[in-house]
Amino acid sequence: MGRNRHMSFPTRLFIPLFSLFLTLSPCSLFGPVAPAKPLIASPAVSAIMTPNDPKLSYPIYASFEEIEALFQQQDNRIYVINFWATWCRPCITEMPFFEQLARESDPENLQVIMVSLDKVADIRTRLKDFVNDRPMVLPTLAFTDNYYEGWIKRVDRSWTGSIPLTLFYRNGQRYFNRGQISNYSELEGLVSRVR
């Protein structure tokens, strides 16, 4: 009680009024929270992107055959598939552009998928920490097939395996972007190649 006597009158009123405000206001101070839209609209892609380890928020696949359907969808939706890794600085630098694209696009029309090529030893440690700390708002899968010669050419005949690499496709139209995407406008331009 002695401490409150030394508080100024406005301060003594502010604390209880602010507490009341927080109690009565919605969870977000910036307005109502919009319901989250589904990240994946295609049932076939959703099945692939479902986590297959209860300790992880993303699936792990060891063979290209398990994820090959990601590259063959014919549902009139644009697919943007980015190959990246947590150790790849250009990959991390361009990631916010993909996040913005996903936020500003309807998953019924455009689907972004991140394929991590992190080392097997890093899937449950480094990648997990990265996904949890970010947090990743993009659908992500871990791909651990180290037999690159066996699957890289199936993604793109001219791909040498360097990352980042992004595949843009819609039905039969395909475009591969090798290297880092510099800004959001560049990413939008790349998407427009398969519209």
N, C-alpha and C. Protein backbone atom coordinates (compact mmCIF):
# COMPACT_ATOMS: atom_id res chain seq x y z
N MET A 1 0.82 -1.18 0.00
CA MET A 1 0.00 0.00 0.00
C MET A 1 0.86 1.24 0.00
N GLY A 2 2.00 1.20 0.70
CA GLY A 2 2.89 2.36 0.77
C GLY A 2 3.44 2.73 -0.59
N ARG A 3 3.68 1.74 -1.44
CA ARG A 3 4.22 2.03 -2.78
C ARG A 3 3.18 2.76 -3.63
N ASN A 4 1.92 2.38 -3.54
CA ASN A 4 0.89 3.00 -4.35
C ASN A 4 0.69 4.47 -4.01
N ARG A 5 0.98 4.86 -2.74
CA ARG A 5 0.81 6.27 -2.37
C ARG A 5 1.76 7.17 -3.13
N HIS A 6 2.90 6.63 -3.56
CA HIS A 6 3.89 7.44 -4.26
C HIS A 6 3.65 7.48 -5.76
N MET A 7 2.74 6.63 -6.28
CA MET A 7 2.41 6.68 -7.70
C MET A 7 1.54 7.89 -7.97
N SER A 8 1.74 8.44 -9.12
CA SER A 8 0.88 9.57 -9.49
C SER A 8 -0.52 9.04 -9.79
N PHE A 9 -1.49 9.93 -9.73
CA PHE A 9 -2.89 9.56 -9.94
C PHE A 9 -3.10 8.87 -11.29
N PRO A 10 -2.58 9.42 -12.41
CA PRO A 10 -2.80 8.76 -13.70
C PRO A 10 -2.19 7.36 -13.76
N THR A 11 -1.03 7.16 -13.13
CA THR A 11 -0.38 5.85 -13.16
C THR A 11 -1.22 4.84 -12.40
N ARG A 12 -1.79 5.24 -11.23
CA ARG A 12 -2.62 4.32 -10.46
C ARG A 12 -3.87 3.91 -11.24
N LEU A 13 -4.39 4.77 -12.08
CA LEU A 13 -5.56 4.42 -12.90
C LEU A 13 -5.16 3.62 -14.14
N PHE A 14 -4.00 3.92 -14.69
CA PHE A 14 -3.58 3.29 -15.94
C PHE A 14 -3.44 1.78 -15.80
N ILE A 15 -2.78 1.34 -14.75
CA ILE A 15 -2.51 -0.08 -14.59
C ILE A 15 -3.80 -0.90 -14.53
N PRO A 16 -4.77 -0.55 -13.68
CA PRO A 16 -6.00 -1.35 -13.68
C PRO A 16 -6.79 -1.23 -14.99
N LEU A 17 -6.80 -0.05 -15.60
CA LEU A 17 -7.54 0.12 -16.85
C LEU A 17 -6.88 -0.68 -17.98
N PHE A 18 -5.56 -0.68 -18.03
CA PHE A 18 -4.85 -1.45 -19.05
C PHE A 18 -5.10 -2.94 -18.85
N SER A 19 -5.09 -3.39 -17.62
CA SER A 19 -5.38 -4.80 -17.32
C SER A 19 -6.78 -5.18 -17.77
N LEU A 20 -7.75 -4.29 -17.52
CA LEU A 20 -9.12 -4.53 -17.96
C LEU A 20 -9.18 -4.59 -19.49
N PHE A 21 -8.46 -3.69 -20.17
CA PHE A 21 -8.42 -3.66 -21.63
C PHE A 21 -7.91 -4.99 -22.17
N LEU A 22 -6.82 -5.48 -21.60
CA LEU A 22 -6.24 -6.75 -22.07
C LEU A 22 -7.19 -7.91 -21.82
N THR A 23 -7.93 -7.86 -20.74
CA THR A 23 -8.86 -8.93 -20.42
C THR A 23 -10.04 -8.95 -21.38
N LEU A 24 -10.54 -7.78 -21.75
CA LEU A 24 -11.73 -7.70 -22.59
C LEU A 24 -11.44 -7.69 -24.08
N SER A 25 -10.22 -7.38 -24.47
CA SER A 25 -9.90 -7.27 -25.90
C SER A 25 -9.63 -8.65 -26.49
N PRO A 26 -9.77 -8.79 -27.83
CA PRO A 26 -9.42 -10.06 -28.47
C PRO A 26 -7.93 -10.33 -28.32
N CYS A 27 -7.51 -11.52 -28.66
CA CYS A 27 -6.10 -11.92 -28.50
C CYS A 27 -5.16 -10.99 -29.23
N SER A 28 -5.55 -10.50 -30.36
CA SER A 28 -4.66 -9.64 -31.14
C SER A 28 -4.96 -8.18 -30.86
N LEU A 29 -3.93 -7.42 -30.55
CA LEU A 29 -4.12 -6.00 -30.32
C LEU A 29 -4.36 -5.23 -31.60
N PHE A 30 -4.12 -5.87 -32.74
CA PHE A 30 -4.23 -5.18 -34.02
C PHE A 30 -5.49 -5.58 -34.78
N GLY A 31 -6.48 -6.06 -34.10
CA GLY A 31 -7.73 -6.42 -34.75
C GLY A 31 -7.94 -7.92 -34.72
N PRO A 32 -9.07 -8.35 -35.22
CA PRO A 32 -9.36 -9.78 -35.17
C PRO A 32 -8.40 -10.57 -36.05
N VAL A 33 -8.12 -11.75 -35.62
CA VAL A 33 -7.23 -12.63 -36.36
C VAL A 33 -8.04 -13.31 -37.46
N ALA A 34 -7.57 -13.16 -38.69
CA ALA A 34 -8.26 -13.78 -39.82
C ALA A 34 -8.06 -15.29 -39.76
N PRO A 35 -9.07 -16.05 -40.12
CA PRO A 35 -8.88 -17.49 -40.12
C PRO A 35 -7.79 -17.88 -41.11
N ALA A 36 -6.98 -18.83 -40.72
CA ALA A 36 -5.87 -19.25 -41.59
C ALA A 36 -6.42 -20.01 -42.78
N LYS A 37 -5.90 -19.67 -43.97
CA LYS A 37 -6.32 -20.43 -45.15
C LYS A 37 -5.47 -21.68 -45.23
N PRO A 38 -6.01 -22.74 -45.81
CA PRO A 38 -5.21 -23.96 -45.90
C PRO A 38 -3.98 -23.73 -46.74
N LEU A 39 -2.87 -24.31 -46.33
CA LEU A 39 -1.63 -24.12 -47.05
C LEU A 39 -1.57 -24.96 -48.33
N ILE A 40 -2.27 -26.08 -48.33
CA ILE A 40 -2.21 -26.98 -49.48
C ILE A 40 -3.64 -27.31 -49.89
N ALA A 41 -3.98 -27.01 -51.13
CA ALA A 41 -5.34 -27.24 -51.61
C ALA A 41 -5.49 -28.60 -52.29
N SER A 42 -4.44 -29.10 -52.92
CA SER A 42 -4.52 -30.36 -53.66
C SER A 42 -4.46 -31.56 -52.72
N PRO A 43 -5.44 -32.46 -52.77
CA PRO A 43 -5.39 -33.66 -51.91
C PRO A 43 -4.16 -34.53 -52.17
N ALA A 44 -3.75 -34.66 -53.43
CA ALA A 44 -2.58 -35.50 -53.75
C ALA A 44 -1.31 -34.91 -53.13
N VAL A 45 -1.14 -33.60 -53.23
CA VAL A 45 0.03 -32.94 -52.66
C VAL A 45 -0.06 -32.95 -51.14
N SER A 46 -1.26 -32.76 -50.62
CA SER A 46 -1.45 -32.78 -49.17
C SER A 46 -1.01 -34.12 -48.58
N ALA A 47 -1.31 -35.21 -49.28
CA ALA A 47 -0.90 -36.53 -48.79
C ALA A 47 0.62 -36.65 -48.72
N ILE A 48 1.32 -36.11 -49.71
CA ILE A 48 2.79 -36.16 -49.72
C ILE A 48 3.34 -35.27 -48.60
N MET A 49 2.72 -34.13 -48.37
CA MET A 49 3.24 -33.16 -47.41
C MET A 49 2.86 -33.45 -45.96
N THR A 50 2.12 -34.51 -45.72
CA THR A 50 1.74 -34.87 -44.36
C THR A 50 2.95 -35.43 -43.62
N PRO A 51 3.28 -34.89 -42.43
CA PRO A 51 4.44 -35.39 -41.68
C PRO A 51 4.35 -36.90 -41.45
N ASN A 52 5.48 -37.59 -41.60
CA ASN A 52 5.52 -39.03 -41.40
C ASN A 52 6.39 -39.43 -40.21
N ASP A 53 6.74 -38.45 -39.39
CA ASP A 53 7.46 -38.68 -38.14
C ASP A 53 6.74 -37.82 -37.09
N PRO A 54 6.20 -38.42 -36.04
CA PRO A 54 5.41 -37.66 -35.07
C PRO A 54 6.18 -36.55 -34.34
N LYS A 55 7.51 -36.58 -34.42
CA LYS A 55 8.31 -35.56 -33.74
C LYS A 55 8.62 -34.37 -34.63
N LEU A 56 8.19 -34.42 -35.90
CA LEU A 56 8.52 -33.36 -36.86
C LEU A 56 7.25 -32.79 -37.48
N SER A 57 7.33 -31.55 -37.91
CA SER A 57 6.19 -30.89 -38.55
C SER A 57 6.23 -31.00 -40.06
N TYR A 58 7.18 -31.75 -40.60
CA TYR A 58 7.35 -31.92 -42.04
C TYR A 58 7.68 -33.39 -42.31
N PRO A 59 7.38 -33.86 -43.52
CA PRO A 59 7.71 -35.25 -43.84
C PRO A 59 9.16 -35.40 -44.29
N ILE A 60 9.66 -36.62 -44.21
CA ILE A 60 11.00 -36.97 -44.68
C ILE A 60 10.83 -38.06 -45.73
N TYR A 61 11.51 -37.87 -46.86
CA TYR A 61 11.48 -38.88 -47.92
C TYR A 61 12.90 -39.20 -48.35
N ALA A 62 13.14 -40.49 -48.65
CA ALA A 62 14.48 -40.94 -49.02
C ALA A 62 14.60 -41.32 -50.48
N SER A 63 13.48 -41.36 -51.21
CA SER A 63 13.58 -41.71 -52.63
C SER A 63 12.70 -40.77 -53.46
N PHE A 64 13.16 -40.50 -54.66
CA PHE A 64 12.45 -39.59 -55.55
C PHE A 64 11.06 -40.13 -55.90
N GLU A 65 10.92 -41.41 -55.99
CA GLU A 65 9.63 -42.01 -56.33
C GLU A 65 8.55 -41.59 -55.33
N GLU A 66 8.94 -41.39 -54.07
CA GLU A 66 7.97 -41.01 -53.04
C GLU A 66 7.42 -39.59 -53.24
N ILE A 67 8.20 -38.72 -53.89
CA ILE A 67 7.76 -37.33 -54.07
C ILE A 67 7.54 -36.96 -55.53
N GLU A 68 7.72 -37.91 -56.43
CA GLU A 68 7.66 -37.63 -57.87
C GLU A 68 6.33 -36.97 -58.27
N ALA A 69 5.25 -37.31 -57.61
CA ALA A 69 3.94 -36.74 -57.95
C ALA A 69 3.92 -35.22 -57.76
N LEU A 70 4.79 -34.68 -56.90
CA LEU A 70 4.86 -33.22 -56.73
C LEU A 70 5.19 -32.51 -58.03
N PHE A 71 5.87 -33.19 -58.92
CA PHE A 71 6.35 -32.59 -60.16
C PHE A 71 5.47 -32.92 -61.36
N GLN A 72 4.33 -33.55 -61.10
CA GLN A 72 3.49 -34.02 -62.20
C GLN A 72 2.02 -33.64 -62.04
N GLN A 73 1.71 -32.69 -61.19
CA GLN A 73 0.31 -32.31 -60.98
C GLN A 73 -0.26 -31.66 -62.24
N GLN A 74 -1.49 -32.01 -62.58
CA GLN A 74 -2.16 -31.49 -63.77
C GLN A 74 -3.51 -30.90 -63.37
N ASP A 75 -3.53 -30.06 -62.34
CA ASP A 75 -4.79 -29.54 -61.82
C ASP A 75 -5.00 -28.06 -62.11
N ASN A 76 -4.28 -27.54 -63.09
CA ASN A 76 -4.40 -26.15 -63.52
C ASN A 76 -3.89 -25.15 -62.48
N ARG A 77 -3.24 -25.64 -61.44
CA ARG A 77 -2.66 -24.78 -60.40
C ARG A 77 -1.19 -24.55 -60.74
N ILE A 78 -0.67 -23.38 -60.39
CA ILE A 78 0.77 -23.11 -60.56
C ILE A 78 1.49 -23.70 -59.36
N TYR A 79 2.55 -24.46 -59.61
CA TYR A 79 3.38 -25.01 -58.55
C TYR A 79 4.74 -24.32 -58.58
N VAL A 80 5.17 -23.89 -57.40
CA VAL A 80 6.47 -23.26 -57.22
C VAL A 80 7.21 -24.15 -56.22
N ILE A 81 8.19 -24.90 -56.71
CA ILE A 81 8.92 -25.85 -55.86
C ILE A 81 10.36 -25.39 -55.75
N ASN A 82 10.75 -25.06 -54.54
CA ASN A 82 12.08 -24.51 -54.28
C ASN A 82 12.94 -25.55 -53.58
N PHE A 83 14.12 -25.81 -54.13
CA PHE A 83 15.11 -26.70 -53.50
C PHE A 83 16.08 -25.82 -52.72
N TRP A 84 16.28 -26.11 -51.46
CA TRP A 84 17.06 -25.26 -50.57
C TRP A 84 17.68 -26.12 -49.47
N ALA A 85 18.47 -25.48 -48.60
CA ALA A 85 19.02 -26.13 -47.41
C ALA A 85 19.33 -25.06 -46.38
N THR A 86 19.36 -25.45 -45.12
CA THR A 86 19.62 -24.48 -44.05
C THR A 86 21.03 -23.91 -44.12
N TRP A 87 21.97 -24.64 -44.73
CA TRP A 87 23.36 -24.16 -44.81
C TRP A 87 23.58 -23.26 -46.02
N CYS A 88 22.57 -23.08 -46.84
CA CYS A 88 22.69 -22.31 -48.09
C CYS A 88 22.22 -20.87 -47.86
N ARG A 89 23.16 -19.94 -47.73
CA ARG A 89 22.81 -18.55 -47.44
C ARG A 89 21.91 -17.92 -48.51
N PRO A 90 22.19 -18.10 -49.82
CA PRO A 90 21.28 -17.54 -50.83
C PRO A 90 19.86 -18.11 -50.70
N CYS A 91 19.75 -19.37 -50.29
CA CYS A 91 18.42 -19.98 -50.10
C CYS A 91 17.65 -19.26 -49.01
N ILE A 92 18.31 -18.99 -47.91
CA ILE A 92 17.65 -18.33 -46.78
C ILE A 92 17.31 -16.89 -47.13
N THR A 93 18.18 -16.23 -47.90
CA THR A 93 17.96 -14.84 -48.30
C THR A 93 16.70 -14.70 -49.15
N GLU A 94 16.44 -15.66 -50.03
CA GLU A 94 15.28 -15.55 -50.91
C GLU A 94 13.99 -16.07 -50.28
N MET A 95 14.08 -16.76 -49.16
CA MET A 95 12.91 -17.39 -48.55
C MET A 95 11.76 -16.41 -48.24
N PRO A 96 12.03 -15.20 -47.76
CA PRO A 96 10.91 -14.27 -47.50
C PRO A 96 10.08 -13.96 -48.75
N PHE A 97 10.66 -14.04 -49.92
CA PHE A 97 9.90 -13.78 -51.15
C PHE A 97 8.89 -14.91 -51.39
N PHE A 98 9.29 -16.13 -51.10
CA PHE A 98 8.36 -17.25 -51.24
C PHE A 98 7.26 -17.18 -50.19
N GLU A 99 7.62 -16.74 -48.98
CA GLU A 99 6.62 -16.59 -47.94
C GLU A 99 5.59 -15.53 -48.34
N GLN A 100 6.06 -14.42 -48.90
CA GLN A 100 5.14 -13.37 -49.36
C GLN A 100 4.26 -13.89 -50.48
N LEU A 101 4.83 -14.62 -51.41
CA LEU A 101 4.06 -15.18 -52.52
C LEU A 101 2.95 -16.10 -51.99
N ALA A 102 3.28 -16.93 -51.02
CA ALA A 102 2.28 -17.85 -50.44
C ALA A 102 1.18 -17.07 -49.73
N ARG A 103 1.56 -16.02 -48.98
CA ARG A 103 0.57 -15.21 -48.27
C ARG A 103 -0.38 -14.51 -49.22
N GLU A 104 0.15 -14.03 -50.35
CA GLU A 104 -0.65 -13.22 -51.27
C GLU A 104 -1.36 -14.04 -52.35
N SER A 105 -1.21 -15.36 -52.31
CA SER A 105 -1.81 -16.22 -53.33
C SER A 105 -2.84 -17.15 -52.71
N ASP A 106 -3.83 -17.47 -53.48
CA ASP A 106 -4.83 -18.45 -53.09
C ASP A 106 -4.27 -19.84 -53.41
N PRO A 107 -4.20 -20.75 -52.42
CA PRO A 107 -3.65 -22.08 -52.70
C PRO A 107 -4.44 -22.85 -53.77
N GLU A 108 -5.64 -22.40 -54.06
CA GLU A 108 -6.40 -23.02 -55.16
C GLU A 108 -5.76 -22.70 -56.51
N ASN A 109 -5.01 -21.57 -56.56
CA ASN A 109 -4.40 -21.13 -57.82
C ASN A 109 -2.89 -21.31 -57.87
N LEU A 110 -2.23 -21.24 -56.72
CA LEU A 110 -0.77 -21.31 -56.68
C LEU A 110 -0.32 -22.00 -55.41
N GLN A 111 0.61 -22.94 -55.55
CA GLN A 111 1.10 -23.71 -54.42
C GLN A 111 2.61 -23.59 -54.33
N VAL A 112 3.13 -23.14 -53.18
CA VAL A 112 4.56 -23.07 -52.93
C VAL A 112 4.95 -24.26 -52.06
N ILE A 113 6.01 -24.96 -52.44
CA ILE A 113 6.52 -26.09 -51.66
C ILE A 113 8.03 -25.96 -51.55
N MET A 114 8.55 -26.13 -50.35
CA MET A 114 9.98 -26.03 -50.09
C MET A 114 10.54 -27.44 -49.87
N VAL A 115 11.52 -27.81 -50.68
CA VAL A 115 12.15 -29.13 -50.57
C VAL A 115 13.54 -28.93 -49.99
N SER A 116 13.71 -29.33 -48.74
CA SER A 116 15.01 -29.20 -48.07
C SER A 116 15.93 -30.33 -48.49
N LEU A 117 17.15 -29.96 -48.86
CA LEU A 117 18.18 -30.95 -49.20
C LEU A 117 19.25 -31.02 -48.11
N ASP A 118 18.85 -30.73 -46.88
CA ASP A 118 19.78 -30.82 -45.76
C ASP A 118 20.28 -32.25 -45.61
N LYS A 119 21.46 -32.39 -45.01
CA LYS A 119 22.06 -33.70 -44.78
C LYS A 119 21.17 -34.51 -43.85
N VAL A 120 21.22 -35.82 -44.01
CA VAL A 120 20.42 -36.72 -43.18
C VAL A 120 20.65 -36.44 -41.70
N ALA A 121 21.90 -36.20 -41.31
CA ALA A 121 22.21 -35.94 -39.90
C ALA A 121 21.58 -34.65 -39.38
N ASP A 122 21.21 -33.74 -40.28
CA ASP A 122 20.65 -32.44 -39.87
C ASP A 122 19.13 -32.38 -39.91
N ILE A 123 18.47 -33.40 -40.41
CA ILE A 123 17.02 -33.38 -40.59
C ILE A 123 16.27 -33.22 -39.27
N ARG A 124 16.73 -33.92 -38.23
CA ARG A 124 16.04 -33.89 -36.94
C ARG A 124 16.68 -32.91 -35.96
N THR A 125 17.67 -32.18 -36.42
CA THR A 125 18.34 -31.20 -35.54
C THR A 125 18.30 -29.81 -36.18
N ARG A 126 19.23 -29.56 -37.05
CA ARG A 126 19.36 -28.23 -37.65
C ARG A 126 18.10 -27.79 -38.41
N LEU A 127 17.56 -28.66 -39.27
CA LEU A 127 16.35 -28.32 -40.02
C LEU A 127 15.17 -28.14 -39.07
N LYS A 128 15.04 -29.04 -38.13
CA LYS A 128 13.94 -28.94 -37.16
C LYS A 128 14.00 -27.61 -36.41
N ASP A 129 15.20 -27.23 -35.94
CA ASP A 129 15.36 -25.96 -35.23
C ASP A 129 15.03 -24.78 -36.14
N PHE A 130 15.47 -24.85 -37.39
CA PHE A 130 15.20 -23.77 -38.34
C PHE A 130 13.69 -23.61 -38.54
N VAL A 131 13.02 -24.72 -38.78
CA VAL A 131 11.57 -24.69 -39.02
C VAL A 131 10.84 -24.20 -37.77
N ASN A 132 11.25 -24.64 -36.59
CA ASN A 132 10.58 -24.23 -35.35
C ASN A 132 10.87 -22.79 -34.99
N ASP A 133 12.08 -22.32 -35.25
CA ASP A 133 12.45 -20.96 -34.86
C ASP A 133 11.92 -19.90 -35.82
N ARG A 134 11.71 -20.27 -37.08
CA ARG A 134 11.35 -19.25 -38.07
C ARG A 134 9.99 -18.64 -37.79
N PRO A 135 8.88 -19.19 -37.52
CA PRO A 135 8.52 -20.54 -37.91
C PRO A 135 8.23 -20.58 -39.40
N MET A 136 8.44 -21.72 -40.00
CA MET A 136 8.20 -21.87 -41.43
C MET A 136 6.70 -21.82 -41.69
N VAL A 137 6.30 -20.92 -42.54
CA VAL A 137 4.88 -20.84 -42.91
C VAL A 137 4.66 -21.51 -44.26
N LEU A 138 5.71 -22.02 -44.84
CA LEU A 138 5.62 -22.66 -46.14
C LEU A 138 5.62 -24.18 -45.96
N PRO A 139 4.82 -24.89 -46.74
CA PRO A 139 4.89 -26.35 -46.69
C PRO A 139 6.31 -26.80 -47.05
N THR A 140 6.87 -27.63 -46.18
CA THR A 140 8.26 -28.05 -46.32
C THR A 140 8.35 -29.57 -46.23
N LEU A 141 9.26 -30.13 -47.02
CA LEU A 141 9.58 -31.54 -46.85
C LEU A 141 11.09 -31.70 -46.88
N ALA A 142 11.57 -32.73 -46.19
CA ALA A 142 13.00 -33.05 -46.19
C ALA A 142 13.22 -34.20 -47.15
N PHE A 143 14.18 -34.01 -48.07
CA PHE A 143 14.48 -35.03 -49.08
C PHE A 143 15.92 -35.47 -48.88
N THR A 144 16.11 -36.76 -48.63
CA THR A 144 17.43 -37.24 -48.21
C THR A 144 18.10 -38.18 -49.20
N ASP A 145 17.59 -38.28 -50.42
CA ASP A 145 18.19 -39.18 -51.41
C ASP A 145 19.52 -38.60 -51.88
N ASN A 146 20.62 -39.22 -51.45
CA ASN A 146 21.95 -38.71 -51.80
C ASN A 146 22.44 -39.20 -53.17
N TYR A 147 21.67 -40.02 -53.83
CA TYR A 147 22.05 -40.49 -55.16
C TYR A 147 21.56 -39.47 -56.19
N TYR A 148 22.25 -38.32 -56.21
CA TYR A 148 21.82 -37.18 -57.02
C TYR A 148 21.69 -37.50 -58.50
N GLU A 149 22.63 -38.29 -59.02
CA GLU A 149 22.58 -38.62 -60.44
C GLU A 149 21.31 -39.36 -60.79
N GLY A 150 20.71 -40.00 -59.81
CA GLY A 150 19.51 -40.78 -60.06
C GLY A 150 18.24 -39.97 -60.15
N TRP A 151 18.21 -38.78 -59.55
CA TRP A 151 16.95 -38.02 -59.56
C TRP A 151 17.06 -36.59 -60.06
N ILE A 152 18.22 -35.96 -60.01
CA ILE A 152 18.34 -34.55 -60.43
C ILE A 152 17.89 -34.33 -61.87
N LYS A 153 18.32 -35.19 -62.75
CA LYS A 153 17.96 -35.03 -64.17
C LYS A 153 16.47 -35.27 -64.40
N ARG A 154 15.80 -35.93 -63.46
CA ARG A 154 14.36 -36.12 -63.58
C ARG A 154 13.61 -34.84 -63.22
N VAL A 155 14.24 -33.99 -62.46
CA VAL A 155 13.65 -32.68 -62.15
C VAL A 155 13.91 -31.73 -63.30
N ASP A 156 15.17 -31.67 -63.76
CA ASP A 156 15.55 -30.80 -64.88
C ASP A 156 16.82 -31.37 -65.50
N ARG A 157 16.78 -31.64 -66.79
CA ARG A 157 17.92 -32.27 -67.47
C ARG A 157 19.21 -31.45 -67.37
N SER A 158 19.08 -30.13 -67.28
CA SER A 158 20.28 -29.29 -67.26
C SER A 158 20.73 -28.92 -65.84
N TRP A 159 20.04 -29.41 -64.83
CA TRP A 159 20.40 -29.07 -63.45
C TRP A 159 21.65 -29.84 -63.03
N THR A 160 22.62 -29.10 -62.49
CA THR A 160 23.86 -29.73 -62.03
C THR A 160 23.81 -30.09 -60.55
N GLY A 161 22.77 -29.66 -59.86
CA GLY A 161 22.63 -29.98 -58.44
C GLY A 161 22.86 -28.80 -57.52
N SER A 162 23.28 -27.65 -58.07
CA SER A 162 23.50 -26.49 -57.20
C SER A 162 22.15 -25.91 -56.76
N ILE A 163 22.15 -25.34 -55.56
CA ILE A 163 20.94 -24.70 -55.03
C ILE A 163 21.27 -23.27 -54.64
N PRO A 164 20.28 -22.41 -54.58
CA PRO A 164 18.86 -22.68 -54.76
C PRO A 164 18.48 -22.91 -56.22
N LEU A 165 17.46 -23.72 -56.38
CA LEU A 165 16.86 -23.96 -57.69
C LEU A 165 15.36 -23.95 -57.47
N THR A 166 14.62 -23.31 -58.36
CA THR A 166 13.17 -23.26 -58.23
C THR A 166 12.53 -23.71 -59.53
N LEU A 167 11.60 -24.63 -59.40
CA LEU A 167 10.80 -25.10 -60.53
C LEU A 167 9.45 -24.39 -60.47
N PHE A 168 9.04 -23.82 -61.58
CA PHE A 168 7.72 -23.21 -61.73
C PHE A 168 7.01 -24.04 -62.79
N TYR A 169 5.84 -24.57 -62.47
CA TYR A 169 5.13 -25.30 -63.52
C TYR A 169 3.62 -25.20 -63.33
N ARG A 170 2.96 -25.34 -64.45
CA ARG A 170 1.49 -25.39 -64.49
C ARG A 170 1.14 -26.31 -65.66
N ASN A 171 0.55 -27.44 -65.32
CA ASN A 171 0.24 -28.45 -66.33
C ASN A 171 1.50 -28.75 -67.14
N GLY A 172 1.52 -28.51 -68.45
CA GLY A 172 2.68 -28.84 -69.27
C GLY A 172 3.73 -27.75 -69.36
N GLN A 173 3.47 -26.56 -68.85
CA GLN A 173 4.45 -25.47 -68.91
C GLN A 173 5.41 -25.60 -67.73
N ARG A 174 6.73 -25.48 -68.03
CA ARG A 174 7.73 -25.59 -66.96
C ARG A 174 8.80 -24.53 -67.17
N TYR A 175 9.28 -24.00 -66.05
CA TYR A 175 10.40 -23.08 -66.10
C TYR A 175 11.27 -23.33 -64.87
N PHE A 176 12.59 -23.40 -65.09
CA PHE A 176 13.54 -23.63 -64.00
C PHE A 176 14.37 -22.38 -63.80
N ASN A 177 14.45 -21.95 -62.57
CA ASN A 177 15.30 -20.81 -62.24
C ASN A 177 16.47 -21.31 -61.40
N ARG A 178 17.67 -21.18 -61.95
CA ARG A 178 18.87 -21.59 -61.22
C ARG A 178 19.45 -20.37 -60.53
N GLY A 179 19.75 -20.51 -59.26
CA GLY A 179 20.35 -19.41 -58.50
C GLY A 179 19.32 -18.64 -57.69
N GLN A 180 19.85 -17.69 -56.95
CA GLN A 180 19.05 -16.91 -56.01
C GLN A 180 18.13 -15.93 -56.71
N ILE A 181 16.92 -15.83 -56.19
CA ILE A 181 15.96 -14.82 -56.64
C ILE A 181 16.21 -13.57 -55.81
N SER A 182 16.40 -12.44 -56.49
CA SER A 182 16.87 -11.21 -55.83
C SER A 182 15.79 -10.43 -55.09
N ASN A 183 14.55 -10.47 -55.57
CA ASN A 183 13.50 -9.69 -54.92
C ASN A 183 12.14 -10.25 -55.29
N TYR A 184 11.11 -9.72 -54.66
CA TYR A 184 9.76 -10.23 -54.87
C TYR A 184 9.28 -9.99 -56.29
N SER A 185 9.63 -8.86 -56.87
CA SER A 185 9.21 -8.57 -58.25
C SER A 185 9.78 -9.61 -59.22
N GLU A 186 11.03 -10.00 -58.99
CA GLU A 186 11.63 -11.03 -59.85
C GLU A 186 10.85 -12.34 -59.71
N LEU A 187 10.49 -12.70 -58.48
CA LEU A 187 9.73 -13.92 -58.26
C LEU A 187 8.37 -13.86 -58.97
N GLU A 188 7.69 -12.73 -58.88
CA GLU A 188 6.41 -12.57 -59.59
C GLU A 188 6.59 -12.74 -61.09
N GLY A 189 7.67 -12.18 -61.63
CA GLY A 189 7.95 -12.33 -63.06
C GLY A 189 8.19 -13.78 -63.45
N LEU A 190 8.85 -14.53 -62.60
CA LEU A 190 9.11 -15.94 -62.87
C LEU A 190 7.80 -16.75 -62.85
N VAL A 191 6.94 -16.42 -61.91
CA VAL A 191 5.64 -17.08 -61.84
C VAL A 191 4.85 -16.83 -63.10
N SER A 192 4.93 -15.60 -63.63
CA SER A 192 4.14 -15.23 -64.81
C SER A 192 4.56 -16.03 -66.06
N ARG A 193 5.74 -16.65 -66.03
CA ARG A 193 6.19 -17.45 -67.18
C ARG A 193 5.35 -18.71 -67.40
N VAL A 194 4.63 -19.13 -66.35
CA VAL A 194 3.81 -20.34 -66.48
C VAL A 194 2.33 -20.06 -66.25
N ARG A 195 1.92 -18.81 -66.29
CA ARG A 195 0.49 -18.48 -66.10
C ARG A 195 -0.33 -18.90 -67.28
